[in-house]
């Protein structure tokens, strides 16, 4: 089964943010891509110590660099999230399998990335006096907007209990089609 979405973190620095994002990815049937270098350790011992009991269910993919990620996913539909963008996230039309690229907590994405993908830049609007949202909050907000759109367009579905049906899973009796 392919993931509903791909959440891509460019050089994340804060382990708690990445842990929270990983939990969101598990809950939404998303893959999480980590682009190195990371500001923390994600070996089995570190994850166990942090109490990340859901981590084994996470579709985790690591990449040595942004260029390695881009090369591995050359045909992917990529959306780039930044506080420097002017296009609100809800103006995008998300499709199943889209990739959502987020920058590091302290500096966001490098200027070259923003220039390279200028037509794919999105933002979560906020008042002018605030500089940013917490990375885990931003990822969760964008991912749920994408899922909302996908359910509305038929690119994803909910079962009778209001739960996401993983892509490629058989729908049970009485579930919406």
C-alpha atoms as a PDB file:
ATOM      1  CA  UNK A   1       0.000   0.000   0.000  1.00  0.00           C
ATOM      2  CA  UNK A   2       1.268   3.458  -0.787  1.00  0.00           C
ATOM      3  CA  UNK A   3       0.946   6.194   1.834  1.00  0.00           C
ATOM      4  CA  UNK A   4      -1.810   8.784   1.636  1.00  0.00           C
ATOM      5  CA  UNK A   5       0.762  11.599   1.835  1.00  0.00           C
ATOM      6  CA  UNK A   6       4.488  12.035   2.341  1.00  0.00           C
ATOM      7  CA  UNK A   7       5.665  14.382   5.098  1.00  0.00           C
ATOM      8  CA  UNK A   8       9.237  15.493   4.411  1.00  0.00           C
ATOM      9  CA  UNK A   9      11.326  17.130   7.143  1.00  0.00           C
ATOM     10  CA  UNK A  10      14.461  18.946   6.012  1.00  0.00           C
ATOM     11  CA  UNK A  11      17.140  18.655   8.706  1.00  0.00           C
ATOM     12  CA  UNK A  12      14.831  18.565  11.747  1.00  0.00           C
ATOM     13  CA  UNK A  13      16.495  19.675  14.979  1.00  0.00           C
ATOM     14  CA  UNK A  14      14.082  18.948  17.830  1.00  0.00           C
ATOM     15  CA  UNK A  15      13.330  15.296  18.668  1.00  0.00           C
ATOM     16  CA  UNK A  16       9.983  16.013  20.331  1.00  0.00           C
ATOM     17  CA  UNK A  17       8.690  17.739  17.195  1.00  0.00           C
ATOM     18  CA  UNK A  18       9.777  14.834  15.014  1.00  0.00           C
ATOM     19  CA  UNK A  19       8.191  12.376  17.449  1.00  0.00           C
ATOM     20  CA  UNK A  20       4.891  14.268  17.356  1.00  0.00           C
ATOM     21  CA  UNK A  21       5.038  14.463  13.568  1.00  0.00           C
ATOM     22  CA  UNK A  22       5.722  10.732  13.400  1.00  0.00           C
ATOM     23  CA  UNK A  23       2.588  10.069  15.464  1.00  0.00           C
ATOM     24  CA  UNK A  24       0.549  12.289  13.105  1.00  0.00           C
ATOM     25  CA  UNK A  25       1.961  10.356  10.151  1.00  0.00           C
ATOM     26  CA  UNK A  26       0.956   7.020  11.683  1.00  0.00           C
ATOM     27  CA  UNK A  27      -2.542   8.343  12.431  1.00  0.00           C
ATOM     28  CA  UNK A  28      -3.004   9.620   8.869  1.00  0.00           C
ATOM     29  CA  UNK A  29      -1.360   6.785   6.892  1.00  0.00           C
ATOM     30  CA  UNK A  30       1.495   9.082   5.799  1.00  0.00           C
ATOM     31  CA  UNK A  31       5.142   8.283   5.192  1.00  0.00           C
ATOM     32  CA  UNK A  32       7.697  10.439   7.000  1.00  0.00           C
ATOM     33  CA  UNK A  33      10.922  11.338   5.237  1.00  0.00           C
ATOM     34  CA  UNK A  34      13.850  12.667   7.259  1.00  0.00           C
ATOM     35  CA  UNK A  35      16.542  14.554   5.392  1.00  0.00           C
ATOM     36  CA  UNK A  36      19.921  14.459   7.152  1.00  0.00           C
ATOM     37  CA  UNK A  37      21.667  15.801   9.083  1.00  0.00           C
ATOM     38  CA  UNK A  38      19.325  15.358  12.039  1.00  0.00           C
ATOM     39  CA  UNK A  39      19.738  17.224  15.300  1.00  0.00           C
ATOM     40  CA  UNK A  40      19.131  14.038  17.339  1.00  0.00           C
ATOM     41  CA  UNK A  41      19.435  10.254  17.348  1.00  0.00           C
ATOM     42  CA  UNK A  42      16.613   7.989  16.119  1.00  0.00           C
ATOM     43  CA  UNK A  43      18.117   4.595  16.836  1.00  0.00           C
ATOM     44  CA  UNK A  44      15.937   1.946  18.494  1.00  0.00           C
ATOM     45  CA  UNK A  45      17.294   2.665  21.981  1.00  0.00           C
ATOM     46  CA  UNK A  46      16.572   6.408  21.709  1.00  0.00           C
ATOM     47  CA  UNK A  47      13.039   5.774  20.447  1.00  0.00           C
ATOM     48  CA  UNK A  48      12.338   3.254  23.210  1.00  0.00           C
ATOM     49  CA  UNK A  49      13.677   5.671  25.860  1.00  0.00           C
ATOM     50  CA  UNK A  50      11.414   8.428  24.484  1.00  0.00           C
ATOM     51  CA  UNK A  51       8.376   6.133  24.739  1.00  0.00           C
ATOM     52  CA  UNK A  52       7.619   6.199  21.022  1.00  0.00           C
ATOM     53  CA  UNK A  53       5.563   2.993  21.073  1.00  0.00           C
ATOM     54  CA  UNK A  54       4.028   3.837  17.668  1.00  0.00           C
ATOM     55  CA  UNK A  55       7.451   4.288  15.980  1.00  0.00           C
ATOM     56  CA  UNK A  56       7.579   0.674  14.644  1.00  0.00           C
ATOM     57  CA  UNK A  57       4.332   1.400  12.703  1.00  0.00           C
ATOM     58  CA  UNK A  58       5.783   4.552  11.121  1.00  0.00           C
ATOM     59  CA  UNK A  59       6.657   4.398   7.415  1.00  0.00           C
ATOM     60  CA  UNK A  60      10.029   6.098   7.934  1.00  0.00           C
ATOM     61  CA  UNK A  61      12.373   6.904   5.077  1.00  0.00           C
ATOM     62  CA  UNK A  62      15.743   8.592   5.507  1.00  0.00           C
ATOM     63  CA  UNK A  63      17.737  10.562   2.956  1.00  0.00           C
ATOM     64  CA  UNK A  64      21.358  11.678   3.172  1.00  0.00           C
ATOM     65  CA  UNK A  65      20.576  15.115   1.692  1.00  0.00           C
ATOM     66  CA  UNK A  66      17.863  17.160   0.034  1.00  0.00           C
ATOM     67  CA  UNK A  67      19.312  16.307  -3.376  1.00  0.00           C
ATOM     68  CA  UNK A  68      19.214  12.583  -2.532  1.00  0.00           C
ATOM     69  CA  UNK A  69      15.544  12.924  -1.544  1.00  0.00           C
ATOM     70  CA  UNK A  70      14.702  14.886  -4.710  1.00  0.00           C
ATOM     71  CA  UNK A  71      16.516  12.334  -6.861  1.00  0.00           C
ATOM     72  CA  UNK A  72      14.717   9.402  -5.215  1.00  0.00           C
ATOM     73  CA  UNK A  73      11.326  11.113  -5.710  1.00  0.00           C
ATOM     74  CA  UNK A  74      11.873  12.945  -8.985  1.00  0.00           C
ATOM     75  CA  UNK A  75       8.304  12.423 -10.195  1.00  0.00           C
ATOM     76  CA  UNK A  76       6.621  13.355  -6.914  1.00  0.00           C
ATOM     77  CA  UNK A  77       4.190  16.243  -6.612  1.00  0.00           C
ATOM     78  CA  UNK A  78       5.903  18.438  -4.048  1.00  0.00           C
ATOM     79  CA  UNK A  79       4.412  21.236  -1.934  1.00  0.00           C
ATOM     80  CA  UNK A  80       6.874  23.437  -0.050  1.00  0.00           C
ATOM     81  CA  UNK A  81       5.768  25.026   3.222  1.00  0.00           C
ATOM     82  CA  UNK A  82       7.253  28.294   4.417  1.00  0.00           C
ATOM     83  CA  UNK A  83       6.367  31.375   6.422  1.00  0.00           C
ATOM     84  CA  UNK A  84       7.918  33.291   3.516  1.00  0.00           C
ATOM     85  CA  UNK A  85       5.228  32.101   1.081  1.00  0.00           C
ATOM     86  CA  UNK A  86       2.138  34.168   0.303  1.00  0.00           C
ATOM     87  CA  UNK A  87      -0.220  31.454  -1.014  1.00  0.00           C
ATOM     88  CA  UNK A  88      -2.431  29.989   1.729  1.00  0.00           C
ATOM     89  CA  UNK A  89      -2.326  26.223   2.130  1.00  0.00           C
ATOM     90  CA  UNK A  90      -6.064  25.888   1.397  1.00  0.00           C
ATOM     91  CA  UNK A  91      -5.546  27.248  -2.137  1.00  0.00           C
ATOM     92  CA  UNK A  92      -3.559  24.135  -3.039  1.00  0.00           C
ATOM     93  CA  UNK A  93      -5.438  21.164  -4.491  1.00  0.00           C
ATOM     94  CA  UNK A  94      -3.891  18.183  -2.787  1.00  0.00           C
ATOM     95  CA  UNK A  95      -3.790  14.722  -4.353  1.00  0.00           C
ATOM     96  CA  UNK A  96      -3.118  11.354  -2.752  1.00  0.00           C
ATOM     97  CA  UNK A  97       0.618  10.701  -2.724  1.00  0.00           C
ATOM     98  CA  UNK A  98       1.620  14.387  -2.559  1.00  0.00           C
ATOM     99  CA  UNK A  99       4.816  15.304  -0.740  1.00  0.00           C
ATOM    100  CA  UNK A 100       4.812  18.104   1.861  1.00  0.00           C
ATOM    101  CA  UNK A 101       8.267  19.609   2.506  1.00  0.00           C
ATOM    102  CA  UNK A 102       8.946  21.470   5.772  1.00  0.00           C
ATOM    103  CA  UNK A 103      12.139  23.205   6.901  1.00  0.00           C
ATOM    104  CA  UNK A 104      14.090  23.008  10.117  1.00  0.00           C
ATOM    105  CA  UNK A 105      12.745  24.601  13.268  1.00  0.00           C
ATOM    106  CA  UNK A 106      15.279  27.432  13.605  1.00  0.00           C
ATOM    107  CA  UNK A 107      15.679  28.598  10.011  1.00  0.00           C
ATOM    108  CA  UNK A 108      13.067  26.971   7.799  1.00  0.00           C
ATOM    109  CA  UNK A 109      14.122  25.995   4.297  1.00  0.00           C
ATOM    110  CA  UNK A 110      17.189  27.436   2.587  1.00  0.00           C
ATOM    111  CA  UNK A 111      16.545  30.396   0.225  1.00  0.00           C
ATOM    112  CA  UNK A 112      17.673  28.298  -2.758  1.00  0.00           C
ATOM    113  CA  UNK A 113      14.921  25.759  -2.100  1.00  0.00           C
ATOM    114  CA  UNK A 114      12.307  28.505  -1.869  1.00  0.00           C
ATOM    115  CA  UNK A 115      13.510  29.972  -5.182  1.00  0.00           C
ATOM    116  CA  UNK A 116      13.668  26.563  -6.864  1.00  0.00           C
ATOM    117  CA  UNK A 117      10.072  25.691  -5.937  1.00  0.00           C
ATOM    118  CA  UNK A 118       8.516  29.165  -5.975  1.00  0.00           C
ATOM    119  CA  UNK A 119       5.391  27.953  -7.792  1.00  0.00           C
ATOM    120  CA  UNK A 120       4.850  25.234  -5.129  1.00  0.00           C
ATOM    121  CA  UNK A 121       5.185  27.447  -2.007  1.00  0.00           C
ATOM    122  CA  UNK A 122       2.408  27.425   0.584  1.00  0.00           C
ATOM    123  CA  UNK A 123       1.924  29.032   3.976  1.00  0.00           C
ATOM    124  CA  UNK A 124      -0.328  28.827   7.009  1.00  0.00           C
ATOM    125  CA  UNK A 125      -1.520  32.431   7.421  1.00  0.00           C
ATOM    126  CA  UNK A 126      -1.070  34.081  10.807  1.00  0.00           C
ATOM    127  CA  UNK A 127      -1.016  37.598  12.205  1.00  0.00           C
ATOM    128  CA  UNK A 128       1.914  39.766  11.127  1.00  0.00           C
ATOM    129  CA  UNK A 129       3.343  40.024  14.648  1.00  0.00           C
ATOM    130  CA  UNK A 130       4.069  36.267  14.818  1.00  0.00           C
ATOM    131  CA  UNK A 131       7.015  34.696  13.012  1.00  0.00           C
ATOM    132  CA  UNK A 132       6.005  31.029  12.908  1.00  0.00           C
ATOM    133  CA  UNK A 133       4.162  28.063  14.355  1.00  0.00           C
ATOM    134  CA  UNK A 134       5.741  25.078  16.049  1.00  0.00           C
ATOM    135  CA  UNK A 135       6.839  22.622  13.343  1.00  0.00           C
ATOM    136  CA  UNK A 136       4.683  19.762  14.657  1.00  0.00           C
ATOM    137  CA  UNK A 137       1.658  22.083  14.751  1.00  0.00           C
ATOM    138  CA  UNK A 138       2.299  23.266  11.192  1.00  0.00           C
ATOM    139  CA  UNK A 139       2.718  19.715   9.855  1.00  0.00           C
ATOM    140  CA  UNK A 140      -0.464  18.570  11.585  1.00  0.00           C
ATOM    141  CA  UNK A 141      -2.455  21.538  10.246  1.00  0.00           C
ATOM    142  CA  UNK A 142      -1.292  21.071   6.657  1.00  0.00           C
ATOM    143  CA  UNK A 143      -1.668  17.282   6.718  1.00  0.00           C
ATOM    144  CA  UNK A 144      -5.233  17.505   8.012  1.00  0.00           C
ATOM    145  CA  UNK A 145      -6.135  20.128   5.401  1.00  0.00           C
ATOM    146  CA  UNK A 146      -4.796  17.773   2.734  1.00  0.00           C
ATOM    147  CA  UNK A 147      -6.748  14.827   4.192  1.00  0.00           C
ATOM    148  CA  UNK A 148      -9.912  16.966   4.405  1.00  0.00           C
ATOM    149  CA  UNK A 149      -9.570  17.754   0.715  1.00  0.00           C
ATOM    150  CA  UNK A 150      -8.792  14.137  -0.191  1.00  0.00           C
ATOM    151  CA  UNK A 151     -11.846  12.808   1.634  1.00  0.00           C
ATOM    152  CA  UNK A 152     -13.979  15.476  -0.069  1.00  0.00           C
ATOM    153  CA  UNK A 153     -12.662  14.595  -3.516  1.00  0.00           C
ATOM    154  CA  UNK A 154     -12.753  10.813  -3.090  1.00  0.00           C
ATOM    155  CA  UNK A 155      -8.966  10.483  -2.885  1.00  0.00           C
ATOM    156  CA  UNK A 156      -9.398   9.069   0.623  1.00  0.00           C
ATOM    157  CA  UNK A 157     -12.325   7.662   2.535  1.00  0.00           C
ATOM    158  CA  UNK A 158     -13.688   7.269   6.031  1.00  0.00           C
ATOM    159  CA  UNK A 159     -15.286   4.160   7.460  1.00  0.00           C
ATOM    160  CA  UNK A 160     -18.609   4.101   9.295  1.00  0.00           C
ATOM    161  CA  UNK A 161     -16.835   5.064  12.551  1.00  0.00           C
ATOM    162  CA  UNK A 162     -15.270   8.184  11.011  1.00  0.00           C
ATOM    163  CA  UNK A 163     -11.805   6.616  10.727  1.00  0.00           C
ATOM    164  CA  UNK A 164      -9.545   6.917   7.701  1.00  0.00           C
ATOM    165  CA  UNK A 165      -9.451   3.848   5.507  1.00  0.00           C
ATOM    166  CA  UNK A 166      -5.813   3.199   4.539  1.00  0.00           C
ATOM    167  CA  UNK A 167      -5.116   3.437   0.823  1.00  0.00           C
ATOM    168  CA  UNK A 168      -5.573   0.119  -0.897  1.00  0.00           C
ATOM    169  CA  UNK A 169      -7.479  -1.386   2.035  1.00  0.00           C
ATOM    170  CA  UNK A 170     -10.723  -3.193   1.297  1.00  0.00           C
ATOM    171  CA  UNK A 171     -13.775  -1.273   2.390  1.00  0.00           C
ATOM    172  CA  UNK A 172     -16.066  -3.130   4.766  1.00  0.00           C
ATOM    173  CA  UNK A 173     -19.813  -3.387   4.442  1.00  0.00           C
ATOM    174  CA  UNK A 174     -21.698  -0.214   5.075  1.00  0.00           C
ATOM    175  CA  UNK A 175     -18.698   2.054   4.536  1.00  0.00           C
ATOM    176  CA  UNK A 176     -18.910   5.044   2.221  1.00  0.00           C
ATOM    177  CA  UNK A 177     -17.697   4.453  -1.285  1.00  0.00           C
END
